[in-house]
C-alpha atoms as a PDB file:
ATOM      1  CA  MET A   1     -11.756 -17.858  -5.353  1.00  0.00           C
ATOM      2  CA  ALA A   2     -15.492 -18.440  -5.694  1.00  0.00           C
ATOM      3  CA  ASP A   3     -16.752 -18.506  -9.268  1.00  0.00           C
ATOM      4  CA  ILE A   4     -20.011 -19.483 -10.984  1.00  0.00           C
ATOM      5  CA  ALA A   5     -18.314 -22.737 -12.023  1.00  0.00           C
ATOM      6  CA  THR A   6     -17.145 -23.667  -8.507  1.00  0.00           C
ATOM      7  CA  ILE A   7     -20.518 -22.652  -7.055  1.00  0.00           C
ATOM      8  CA  SER A   8     -22.442 -24.830  -9.548  1.00  0.00           C
ATOM      9  CA  THR A   9     -20.161 -27.749  -8.740  1.00  0.00           C
ATOM     10  CA  ALA A  10     -20.585 -27.255  -4.979  1.00  0.00           C
ATOM     11  CA  ILE A  11     -24.387 -27.229  -5.354  1.00  0.00           C
ATOM     12  CA  ALA A  12     -24.264 -30.391  -7.469  1.00  0.00           C
ATOM     13  CA  GLU A  13     -22.099 -32.152  -4.884  1.00  0.00           C
ATOM     14  CA  ALA A  14     -24.392 -31.113  -2.023  1.00  0.00           C
ATOM     15  CA  LEU A  15     -27.435 -32.430  -3.900  1.00  0.00           C
ATOM     16  CA  ALA A  16     -25.655 -35.680  -4.756  1.00  0.00           C
ATOM     17  CA  VAL A  17     -24.914 -36.329  -1.075  1.00  0.00           C
ATOM     18  CA  ALA A  18     -28.483 -35.507  -0.004  1.00  0.00           C
ATOM     19  CA  LEU A  19     -30.382 -37.226  -2.809  1.00  0.00           C
ATOM     20  CA  CYS A  20     -28.133 -40.270  -3.216  1.00  0.00           C
ATOM     21  CA  PRO A  21     -27.282 -41.281   0.375  1.00  0.00           C
ATOM     22  CA  ASP A  22     -26.154 -44.746  -0.728  1.00  0.00           C
ATOM     23  CA  GLY A  23     -23.633 -43.401  -3.213  1.00  0.00           C
ATOM     24  CA  SER A  24     -23.468 -42.796  -6.925  1.00  0.00           C
ATOM     25  CA  SER A  25     -23.840 -46.472  -7.820  1.00  0.00           C
ATOM     26  CA  ALA A  26     -27.294 -46.708  -6.182  1.00  0.00           C
ATOM     27  CA  SER A  27     -30.645 -45.138  -6.976  1.00  0.00           C
ATOM     28  CA  SER A  28     -31.649 -41.791  -5.503  1.00  0.00           C
ATOM     29  CA  CYS A  29     -33.945 -41.286  -2.516  1.00  0.00           C
ATOM     30  CA  THR A  30     -36.913 -41.398  -4.931  1.00  0.00           C
ATOM     31  CA  GLY A  31     -35.975 -44.934  -5.979  1.00  0.00           C
ATOM     32  CA  ARG A  32     -35.071 -43.835  -9.508  1.00  0.00           C
ATOM     33  CA  PRO A  33     -31.652 -43.135 -11.060  1.00  0.00           C
ATOM     34  CA  VAL A  34     -30.774 -39.451 -11.264  1.00  0.00           C
ATOM     35  CA  ILE A  35     -27.995 -37.516 -12.967  1.00  0.00           C
ATOM     36  CA  ILE A  36     -26.964 -34.160 -11.445  1.00  0.00           C
ATOM     37  CA  ARG A  37     -24.755 -31.857 -13.471  1.00  0.00           C
ATOM     38  CA  ARG A  38     -24.049 -28.349 -14.672  1.00  0.00           C
ATOM     39  CA  GLY A  39     -25.739 -27.193 -17.894  1.00  0.00           C
ATOM     40  CA  GLY A  40     -28.943 -28.280 -19.601  1.00  0.00           C
ATOM     41  CA  LEU A  41     -30.197 -31.441 -21.215  1.00  0.00           C
ATOM     42  CA  THR A  42     -28.395 -32.747 -24.250  1.00  0.00           C
ATOM     43  CA  GLN A  43     -29.812 -34.594 -27.242  1.00  0.00           C
ATOM     44  CA  ALA A  44     -28.252 -37.783 -25.888  1.00  0.00           C
ATOM     45  CA  ASP A  45     -30.305 -37.423 -22.697  1.00  0.00           C
ATOM     46  CA  LEU A  46     -33.467 -37.647 -24.771  1.00  0.00           C
ATOM     47  CA  GLY A  47     -32.552 -40.876 -26.533  1.00  0.00           C
ATOM     48  CA  ASN A  48     -29.847 -43.104 -28.011  1.00  0.00           C
ATOM     49  CA  ALA A  49     -27.843 -43.202 -24.780  1.00  0.00           C
ATOM     50  CA  LEU A  50     -27.559 -45.539 -21.822  1.00  0.00           C
ATOM     51  CA  HIS A  51     -29.348 -43.227 -19.340  1.00  0.00           C
ATOM     52  CA  THR A  52     -32.217 -41.279 -20.864  1.00  0.00           C
ATOM     53  CA  LEU A  53     -35.480 -39.703 -19.769  1.00  0.00           C
ATOM     54  CA  GLN A  54     -37.440 -42.316 -21.671  1.00  0.00           C
ATOM     55  CA  ALA A  55     -35.485 -45.100 -19.957  1.00  0.00           C
ATOM     56  CA  GLY A  56     -36.595 -43.860 -16.515  1.00  0.00           C
ATOM     57  CA  CYS A  57     -33.572 -41.730 -15.605  1.00  0.00           C
ATOM     58  CA  ASP A  58     -34.255 -38.307 -14.050  1.00  0.00           C
ATOM     59  CA  PHE A  59     -31.977 -35.263 -14.325  1.00  0.00           C
ATOM     60  CA  ILE A  60     -31.142 -32.171 -12.305  1.00  0.00           C
ATOM     61  CA  SER A  61     -29.435 -29.386 -14.227  1.00  0.00           C
ATOM     62  CA  ILE A  62     -27.715 -26.387 -12.639  1.00  0.00           C
ATOM     63  CA  ALA A  63     -27.317 -23.138 -14.576  1.00  0.00           C
ATOM     64  CA  ASP A  64     -26.588 -19.499 -13.764  1.00  0.00           C
ATOM     65  CA  THR A  65     -28.587 -16.587 -15.190  1.00  0.00           C
ATOM     66  CA  PRO A  66     -26.388 -13.670 -16.346  1.00  0.00           C
ATOM     67  CA  GLU A  67     -29.156 -11.053 -16.282  1.00  0.00           C
ATOM     68  CA  SER A  68     -29.563 -11.532 -12.512  1.00  0.00           C
ATOM     69  CA  TRP A  69     -26.007 -10.464 -11.644  1.00  0.00           C
ATOM     70  CA  THR A  70     -25.872  -7.650  -9.062  1.00  0.00           C
ATOM     71  CA  ARG A  71     -22.837  -6.088  -7.415  1.00  0.00           C
ATOM     72  CA  LEU A  72     -22.881  -5.525  -3.654  1.00  0.00           C
ATOM     73  CA  ASP A  73     -20.680  -3.452  -1.367  1.00  0.00           C
ATOM     74  CA  GLU A  74     -17.446  -5.196  -0.416  1.00  0.00           C
ATOM     75  CA  PRO A  75     -15.492  -4.396   2.791  1.00  0.00           C
ATOM     76  CA  LEU A  76     -14.339  -0.780   2.742  1.00  0.00           C
ATOM     77  CA  GLY A  77     -10.741  -0.513   1.597  1.00  0.00           C
ATOM     78  CA  ARG A  78     -10.567  -4.191   0.616  1.00  0.00           C
ATOM     79  CA  PRO A  79      -8.392  -5.115   3.625  1.00  0.00           C
ATOM     80  CA  TRP A  80      -6.239  -8.231   3.649  1.00  0.00           C
ATOM     81  CA  ARG A  81      -7.043 -10.615   6.498  1.00  0.00           C
ATOM     82  CA  MET A  82      -5.223 -13.674   7.758  1.00  0.00           C
ATOM     83  CA  ASP A  83      -7.085 -16.748   6.555  1.00  0.00           C
ATOM     84  CA  GLY A  84      -5.037 -19.734   7.692  1.00  0.00           C
ATOM     85  CA  THR A  85      -1.551 -21.015   8.431  1.00  0.00           C
ATOM     86  CA  GLN A  86       0.581 -23.755   6.923  1.00  0.00           C
ATOM     87  CA  ALA A  87       3.347 -25.462   8.857  1.00  0.00           C
ATOM     88  CA  ALA A  88       6.793 -25.398   7.276  1.00  0.00           C
ATOM     89  CA  THR A  89       7.951 -28.573   5.569  1.00  0.00           C
ATOM     90  CA  VAL A  90      11.541 -27.329   5.227  1.00  0.00           C
ATOM     91  CA  SER A  91      13.747 -26.692   8.256  1.00  0.00           C
ATOM     92  CA  ILE A  92      17.218 -25.403   9.010  1.00  0.00           C
ATOM     93  CA  GLY A  93      19.557 -26.297  11.871  1.00  0.00           C
ATOM     94  CA  ILE A  94      23.112 -25.481  12.955  1.00  0.00           C
ATOM     95  CA  ALA A  95      25.704 -27.704  14.633  1.00  0.00           C
ATOM     96  CA  ASN A  96      29.469 -27.094  14.928  1.00  0.00           C
ATOM     97  CA  GLY A  97      29.442 -24.281  12.402  1.00  0.00           C
ATOM     98  CA  THR A  98      27.645 -26.351   9.754  1.00  0.00           C
ATOM     99  CA  VAL A  99      24.171 -25.416   8.598  1.00  0.00           C
ATOM    100  CA  THR A 100      21.919 -28.290   7.522  1.00  0.00           C
ATOM    101  CA  LEU A 101      18.718 -28.056   5.458  1.00  0.00           C
ATOM    102  CA  SER A 102      16.115 -30.799   5.597  1.00  0.00           C
ATOM    103  CA  LEU A 103      12.702 -31.490   4.054  1.00  0.00           C
ATOM    104  CA  VAL A 104       9.817 -33.496   5.475  1.00  0.00           C
ATOM    105  CA  PRO A 105       9.675 -36.637   3.281  1.00  0.00           C
ATOM    106  CA  GLY A 106       6.713 -36.918   0.947  1.00  0.00           C
ATOM    107  CA  THR A 107       5.646 -33.271   1.240  1.00  0.00           C
ATOM    108  CA  VAL A 108       5.821 -30.213  -1.007  1.00  0.00           C
ATOM    109  CA  PRO A 109       8.556 -27.808   0.143  1.00  0.00           C
ATOM    110  CA  GLY A 110       7.089 -24.822   1.950  1.00  0.00           C
ATOM    111  CA  GLY A 111       7.983 -22.303   4.626  1.00  0.00           C
ATOM    112  CA  VAL A 112      10.683 -19.698   5.195  1.00  0.00           C
ATOM    113  CA  VAL A 113      14.189 -20.493   6.428  1.00  0.00           C
ATOM    114  CA  GLY A 114      17.142 -18.253   7.081  1.00  0.00           C
ATOM    115  CA  LEU A 115      20.167 -17.356   9.169  1.00  0.00           C
ATOM    116  CA  ARG A 116      20.849 -14.547  11.629  1.00  0.00           C
ATOM    117  CA  LEU A 117      24.594 -13.929  11.495  1.00  0.00           C
ATOM    118  CA  GLN A 118      27.247 -12.178  13.584  1.00  0.00           C
ATOM    119  CA  GLY A 119      30.871 -11.536  12.666  1.00  0.00           C
ATOM    120  CA  LEU A 120      30.592 -11.039   8.907  1.00  0.00           C
ATOM    121  CA  ALA A 121      33.481  -9.100   7.426  1.00  0.00           C
ATOM    122  CA  GLY A 122      32.571  -5.494   6.621  1.00  0.00           C
ATOM    123  CA  ILE A 123      29.299  -5.561   8.577  1.00  0.00           C
ATOM    124  CA  THR A 124      28.990  -4.045  12.039  1.00  0.00           C
ATOM    125  CA  GLY A 125      26.335  -5.795  14.077  1.00  0.00           C
ATOM    126  CA  GLY A 126      24.030  -8.518  12.867  1.00  0.00           C
ATOM    127  CA  ALA A 127      22.893  -9.619   9.437  1.00  0.00           C
ATOM    128  CA  CYS A 128      20.330 -12.064   8.151  1.00  0.00           C
ATOM    129  CA  CYS A 129      19.422 -13.954   4.997  1.00  0.00           C
ATOM    130  CA  LEU A 130      16.037 -15.460   4.206  1.00  0.00           C
ATOM    131  CA  TYR A 131      14.651 -17.876   1.642  1.00  0.00           C
ATOM    132  CA  SER A 132      11.037 -18.804   0.914  1.00  0.00           C
ATOM    133  CA  ALA A 133      10.850 -22.420  -0.228  1.00  0.00           C
ATOM    134  CA  GLN A 134       9.274 -23.107  -3.612  1.00  0.00           C
ATOM    135  CA  PRO A 135       7.422 -26.298  -4.651  1.00  0.00           C
ATOM    136  CA  ASP A 136      10.283 -27.503  -6.869  1.00  0.00           C
ATOM    137  CA  ASP A 137      13.048 -26.862  -4.306  1.00  0.00           C
ATOM    138  CA  THR A 138      15.367 -29.459  -2.791  1.00  0.00           C
ATOM    139  CA  ALA A 139      17.526 -29.234   0.298  1.00  0.00           C
ATOM    140  CA  ALA A 140      20.527 -28.684  -1.991  1.00  0.00           C
ATOM    141  CA  SER A 141      18.910 -25.842  -3.942  1.00  0.00           C
ATOM    142  CA  ILE A 142      17.836 -24.061  -0.747  1.00  0.00           C
ATOM    143  CA  ALA A 143      21.308 -24.423   0.741  1.00  0.00           C
ATOM    144  CA  ALA A 144      22.873 -23.026  -2.422  1.00  0.00           C
ATOM    145  CA  SER A 145      20.535 -20.027  -2.415  1.00  0.00           C
ATOM    146  CA  LEU A 146      21.276 -19.173   1.221  1.00  0.00           C
ATOM    147  CA  ALA A 147      25.027 -19.686   0.835  1.00  0.00           C
ATOM    148  CA  ALA A 148      25.088 -17.325  -2.148  1.00  0.00           C
ATOM    149  CA  MET A 149      23.907 -14.510   0.172  1.00  0.00           C
ATOM    150  CA  VAL A 150      26.614 -15.020   2.813  1.00  0.00           C
ATOM    151  CA  PRO A 151      30.168 -13.881   1.946  1.00  0.00           C
ATOM    152  CA  GLY A 152      32.623 -16.753   2.357  1.00  0.00           C
ATOM    153  CA  ALA A 153      29.977 -19.453   2.812  1.00  0.00           C
ATOM    154  CA  MET A 154      30.069 -22.675   0.795  1.00  0.00           C
ATOM    155  CA  ALA A 155      27.223 -25.058   0.030  1.00  0.00           C
ATOM    156  CA  GLN A 156      27.477 -28.776  -0.636  1.00  0.00           C
ATOM    157  CA  GLU A 157      24.304 -30.815  -1.142  1.00  0.00           C
ATOM    158  CA  GLY A 158      22.005 -29.779   1.728  1.00  0.00           C
ATOM    159  CA  ALA A 159      24.692 -28.297   3.981  1.00  0.00           C
ATOM    160  CA  ILE A 160      26.357 -24.883   4.298  1.00  0.00           C
ATOM    161  CA  THR A 161      29.822 -24.284   5.771  1.00  0.00           C
ATOM    162  CA  LEU A 162      30.155 -20.809   7.291  1.00  0.00           C
ATOM    163  CA  PRO A 163      33.396 -18.789   7.687  1.00  0.00           C
ATOM    164  CA  ALA A 164      35.208 -19.581  10.924  1.00  0.00           C
ATOM    165  CA  SER A 165      34.664 -16.100  12.365  1.00  0.00           C
ATOM    166  CA  VAL A 166      30.881 -16.200  11.873  1.00  0.00           C
ATOM    167  CA  THR A 167      28.318 -17.294  14.425  1.00  0.00           C
ATOM    168  CA  ALA A 168      24.768 -18.015  13.314  1.00  0.00           C
ATOM    169  CA  GLN A 169      21.262 -18.622  14.549  1.00  0.00           C
ATOM    170  CA  ALA A 170      18.709 -20.587  12.526  1.00  0.00           C
ATOM    171  CA  ILE A 171      15.422 -18.983  11.469  1.00  0.00           C
ATOM    172  CA  ASN A 172      12.456 -21.259  10.803  1.00  0.00           C
ATOM    173  CA  ALA A 173       8.932 -20.105   9.993  1.00  0.00           C
ATOM    174  CA  GLY A 174       5.787 -21.381   8.335  1.00  0.00           C
ATOM    175  CA  THR A 175       3.548 -19.400   6.027  1.00  0.00           C
ATOM    176  CA  ALA A 176       0.066 -17.962   6.265  1.00  0.00           C
ATOM    177  CA  THR A 177      -2.638 -17.270   3.724  1.00  0.00           C
ATOM    178  CA  ALA A 178      -4.039 -13.759   3.531  1.00  0.00           C
ATOM    179  CA  ARG A 179      -7.406 -13.163   1.877  1.00  0.00           C
ATOM    180  CA  CYS A 180      -8.910 -10.013   0.377  1.00  0.00           C
ATOM    181  CA  VAL A 181     -12.492  -9.588  -0.847  1.00  0.00           C
ATOM    182  CA  ALA A 182     -12.057  -7.949  -4.249  1.00  0.00           C
ATOM    183  CA  ARG A 183     -15.748  -7.980  -5.211  1.00  0.00           C
ATOM    184  CA  ARG A 184     -19.057  -9.149  -3.738  1.00  0.00           C
ATOM    185  CA  GLN A 185     -22.045 -10.075  -5.891  1.00  0.00           C
ATOM    186  CA  GLN A 186     -25.370 -11.888  -6.120  1.00  0.00           C
ATOM    187  CA  GLN A 187     -26.528 -14.102  -8.968  1.00  0.00           C
ATOM    188  CA  MET A 188     -29.519 -16.363  -9.553  1.00  0.00           C
ATOM    189  CA  PHE A 189     -28.951 -20.060 -10.180  1.00  0.00           C
ATOM    190  CA  VAL A 190     -31.656 -22.230 -11.734  1.00  0.00           C
ATOM    191  CA  LEU A 191     -31.862 -25.843 -10.544  1.00  0.00           C
ATOM    192  CA  THR A 192     -34.187 -27.759 -12.875  1.00  0.00           C
ATOM    193  CA  VAL A 193     -35.624 -31.220 -12.307  1.00  0.00           C
ATOM    194  CA  TRP A 194     -36.306 -33.141 -15.541  1.00  0.00           C
ATOM    195  CA  SER A 195     -38.309 -36.348 -15.823  1.00  0.00           C
ATOM    196  CA  ALA A 196     -40.472 -38.279 -18.278  1.00  0.00           C
ATOM    197  CA  SER A 197     -43.067 -38.735 -15.528  1.00  0.00           C
ATOM    198  CA  PRO A 198     -44.924 -35.900 -13.793  1.00  0.00           C
ATOM    199  CA  ALA A 199     -45.117 -37.969 -10.606  1.00  0.00           C
ATOM    200  CA  ALA A 200     -41.373 -38.622 -10.661  1.00  0.00           C
ATOM    201  CA  ARG A 201     -40.769 -34.930 -11.411  1.00  0.00           C
ATOM    202  CA  ASP A 202     -42.826 -33.969  -8.350  1.00  0.00           C
ATOM    203  CA  ALA A 203     -41.072 -36.484  -6.085  1.00  0.00           C
ATOM    204  CA  LEU A 204     -37.571 -35.436  -7.128  1.00  0.00           C
ATOM    205  CA  GLY A 205     -38.471 -31.745  -7.057  1.00  0.00           C
ATOM    206  CA  GLN A 206     -39.761 -32.054  -3.496  1.00  0.00           C
ATOM    207  CA  ALA A 207     -36.691 -34.039  -2.452  1.00  0.00           C
ATOM    208  CA  MET A 208     -34.405 -31.368  -3.910  1.00  0.00           C
ATOM    209  CA  ALA A 209     -36.317 -28.602  -2.119  1.00  0.00           C
ATOM    210  CA  ASP A 210     -36.107 -30.531   1.156  1.00  0.00           C
ATOM    211  CA  ALA A 211     -32.383 -31.147   0.696  1.00  0.00           C
ATOM    212  CA  LEU A 212     -31.686 -27.412   0.457  1.00  0.00           C
ATOM    213  CA  ALA A 213     -34.384 -26.202   2.848  1.00  0.00           C
ATOM    214  CA  LEU A 214     -32.073 -25.895   5.852  1.00  0.00           C
ATOM    215  CA  THR A 215     -28.947 -25.084   3.848  1.00  0.00           C
ATOM    216  CA  ASP A 216     -27.997 -21.421   4.065  1.00  0.00           C
ATOM    217  CA  TRP A 217     -24.261 -21.728   3.392  1.00  0.00           C
ATOM    218  CA  LEU A 218     -22.116 -23.937   1.165  1.00  0.00           C
ATOM    219  CA  VAL A 219     -18.360 -24.147   0.615  1.00  0.00           C
ATOM    220  CA  ASP A 220     -16.814 -24.650  -2.828  1.00  0.00           C
ATOM    221  CA  ALA A 221     -13.682 -26.610  -3.700  1.00  0.00           C
ATOM    222  CA  ASP A 222     -11.482 -23.526  -3.203  1.00  0.00           C
ATOM    223  CA  GLY A 223     -12.671 -23.091   0.373  1.00  0.00           C
ATOM    224  CA  SER A 224     -14.845 -20.045  -0.377  1.00  0.00           C
ATOM    225  CA  THR A 225     -18.146 -19.832   1.507  1.00  0.00           C
ATOM    226  CA  PHE A 226     -21.265 -18.616  -0.286  1.00  0.00           C
ATOM    227  CA  ARG A 227     -24.874 -18.082   0.763  1.00  0.00           C
ATOM    228  CA  ILE A 228     -27.731 -19.802  -1.070  1.00  0.00           C
ATOM    229  CA  GLU A 229     -31.374 -18.768  -0.618  1.00  0.00           C
ATOM    230  CA  ALA A 230     -34.494 -20.301  -2.189  1.00  0.00           C
ATOM    231  CA  ARG A 231     -36.588 -17.884  -4.252  1.00  0.00           C
ATOM    232  CA  VAL A 232     -39.250 -19.530  -6.413  1.00  0.00           C
ATOM    233  CA  ALA A 233     -40.134 -22.868  -8.016  1.00  0.00           C
ATOM    234  CA  SER A 234     -42.679 -23.750 -10.705  1.00  0.00           C
ATOM    235  CA  ASN A 235     -43.805 -26.624 -12.888  1.00  0.00           C
ATOM    236  CA  ASP A 236     -43.060 -26.467 -16.599  1.00  0.00           C
ATOM    237  CA  ASP A 237     -45.182 -28.764 -18.768  1.00  0.00           C
ATOM    238  CA  THR A 238     -44.581 -27.007 -22.091  1.00  0.00           C
ATOM    239  CA  ALA A 239     -42.730 -30.064 -23.441  1.00  0.00           C
ATOM    240  CA  MET A 240     -45.201 -32.638 -22.139  1.00  0.00           C
ATOM    241  CA  ASN A 241     -46.070 -33.725 -25.675  1.00  0.00           C
ATOM    242  CA  ARG A 242     -42.458 -34.903 -25.958  1.00  0.00           C
ATOM    243  CA  GLY A 243     -42.674 -36.709 -22.644  1.00  0.00           C
ATOM    244  CA  ILE A 244     -40.634 -34.095 -20.761  1.00  0.00           C
ATOM    245  CA  PHE A 245     -41.760 -32.619 -17.437  1.00  0.00           C
ATOM    246  CA  ALA A 246     -39.646 -29.985 -15.698  1.00  0.00           C
ATOM    247  CA  ARG A 247     -39.563 -28.095 -12.410  1.00  0.00           C
ATOM    248  CA  PRO A 248     -37.190 -25.093 -12.419  1.00  0.00           C
ATOM    249  CA  ALA A 249     -36.320 -23.691  -8.982  1.00  0.00           C
ATOM    250  CA  ARG A 250     -34.430 -20.438  -8.543  1.00  0.00           C
ATOM    251  CA  TYR A 251     -31.867 -19.893  -5.815  1.00  0.00           C
ATOM    252  CA  LEU A 252     -30.153 -16.582  -5.077  1.00  0.00           C
ATOM    253  CA  VAL A 253     -26.443 -16.987  -4.383  1.00  0.00           C
ATOM    254  CA  THR A 254     -24.341 -14.330  -2.659  1.00  0.00           C
ATOM    255  CA  PHE A 255     -20.597 -14.852  -3.068  1.00  0.00           C
ATOM    256  CA  ASP A 256     -17.276 -13.047  -2.920  1.00  0.00           C
ATOM    257  CA  THR A 257     -14.580 -12.822  -5.536  1.00  0.00           C
ATOM    258  CA  ASP A 258     -11.638 -13.100  -3.177  1.00  0.00           C
ATOM    259  CA  LEU A 259      -7.880 -13.119  -3.729  1.00  0.00           C
ATOM    260  CA  THR A 260      -5.388 -15.116  -1.673  1.00  0.00           C
ATOM    261  CA  ARG A 261      -1.664 -14.639  -1.124  1.00  0.00           C
ATOM    262  CA  SER A 262       0.928 -16.600   0.834  1.00  0.00           C
ATOM    263  CA  VAL A 263       2.868 -14.550   3.377  1.00  0.00           C
ATOM    264  CA  PRO A 264       5.696 -15.542   5.769  1.00  0.00           C
ATOM    265  CA  LEU A 265       4.986 -15.694   9.488  1.00  0.00           C
ATOM    266  CA  MET A 266       7.989 -13.547  10.388  1.00  0.00           C
ATOM    267  CA  LEU A 267       9.985 -10.542   9.165  1.00  0.00           C
ATOM    268  CA  ALA A 268      13.683  -9.745   9.432  1.00  0.00           C
ATOM    269  CA  GLY A 269      15.843  -6.909   8.281  1.00  0.00           C
ATOM    270  CA  GLY A 270      16.956  -3.478   9.361  1.00  0.00           C
ATOM    271  CA  ILE A 271      16.351   0.257   9.020  1.00  0.00           C
ATOM    272  CA  GLY A 272      19.086   2.519   7.701  1.00  0.00           C
ATOM    273  CA  ALA A 273      19.787   5.861   9.438  1.00  0.00           C
ATOM    274  CA  GLU A 274      21.419   8.981   7.985  1.00  0.00           C
ATOM    275  CA  SER A 275      24.625   8.305   9.878  1.00  0.00           C
ATOM    276  CA  GLY A 276      24.963   4.968   8.140  1.00  0.00           C
ATOM    277  CA  LEU A 277      23.980   2.952  11.207  1.00  0.00           C
ATOM    278  CA  ILE A 278      21.609   0.037  10.908  1.00  0.00           C
ATOM    279  CA  ALA A 279      18.885  -0.583  13.482  1.00  0.00           C
ATOM    280  CA  GLY A 280      18.280  -4.311  13.438  1.00  0.00           C
ATOM    281  CA  ASP A 281      19.811  -6.827  11.041  1.00  0.00           C
ATOM    282  CA  VAL A 282      21.303  -6.114   7.641  1.00  0.00           C
ATOM    283  CA  LEU A 283      19.276  -8.054   5.079  1.00  0.00           C
ATOM    284  CA  LEU A 284      21.641  -9.954   2.814  1.00  0.00           C
ATOM    285  CA  GLY A 285      20.916 -10.857  -0.787  1.00  0.00           C
ATOM    286  CA  ALA A 286      17.551 -10.564  -2.511  1.00  0.00           C
ATOM    287  CA  PRO A 287      14.284 -10.473  -0.503  1.00  0.00           C
ATOM    288  CA  ALA A 288      12.562 -13.785   0.002  1.00  0.00           C
ATOM    289  CA  VAL A 289      10.064 -14.730  -2.703  1.00  0.00           C
ATOM    290  CA  SER A 290       6.489 -14.797  -1.380  1.00  0.00           C
END
């Protein structure tokens, strides 16, 4: 979910890549060291620290302005849309009446597994049981959860033994991410260049403007895309008597507050009729956790 914190960080990272092409251990494209970060200058930046204005280090600060916040229209009805898919890292297989659960080594358990069953005592037609893997699951815990839904089944480690009269089919599915735009808004962000030299301030300010000149869209660490548009820049020499020269530049950011949910890539179950018949499979046990 995009947030003023993730947006500020994404802007800082984009500027770091553009202004410091040789990496963080080298000088910036202006030939001077530069520090890019969220928030304003601190007292340590002005003196008594390793990297200060007076020692020839320039700064770029990134801050949001609360009074500029404006709400925009979000998609009507706030619909959920499929955003991406994740392959299952847990799988289920059947051989000679024995069900075996397995996990991909070195991965976090994920996905939906289950059984479609025929021949269960007291159930006419088919039945199914499903389980959505959780990050702390093991093959043994998944097997135990599935076995608890099937009358007469027994689990041992990562295997399930079914009753002799029961035939089964394995169900394997990955998961998908659904996304909903809960709110859309615009907010102004102020990117300020600070330097002890007006010439260095001008050089870094121009480099920053050039770095963002052709950038209309950025992506934050959560995968949310936001639009960034240049608005106005100015020179601020009010602190020149203290050896501080600034150039604040305003950028309008349009971003969504979006929610994400994991959903299985398949459904199973049945519909009950008045006569007591079931169309489809009887869903055993509790619904899968999503």
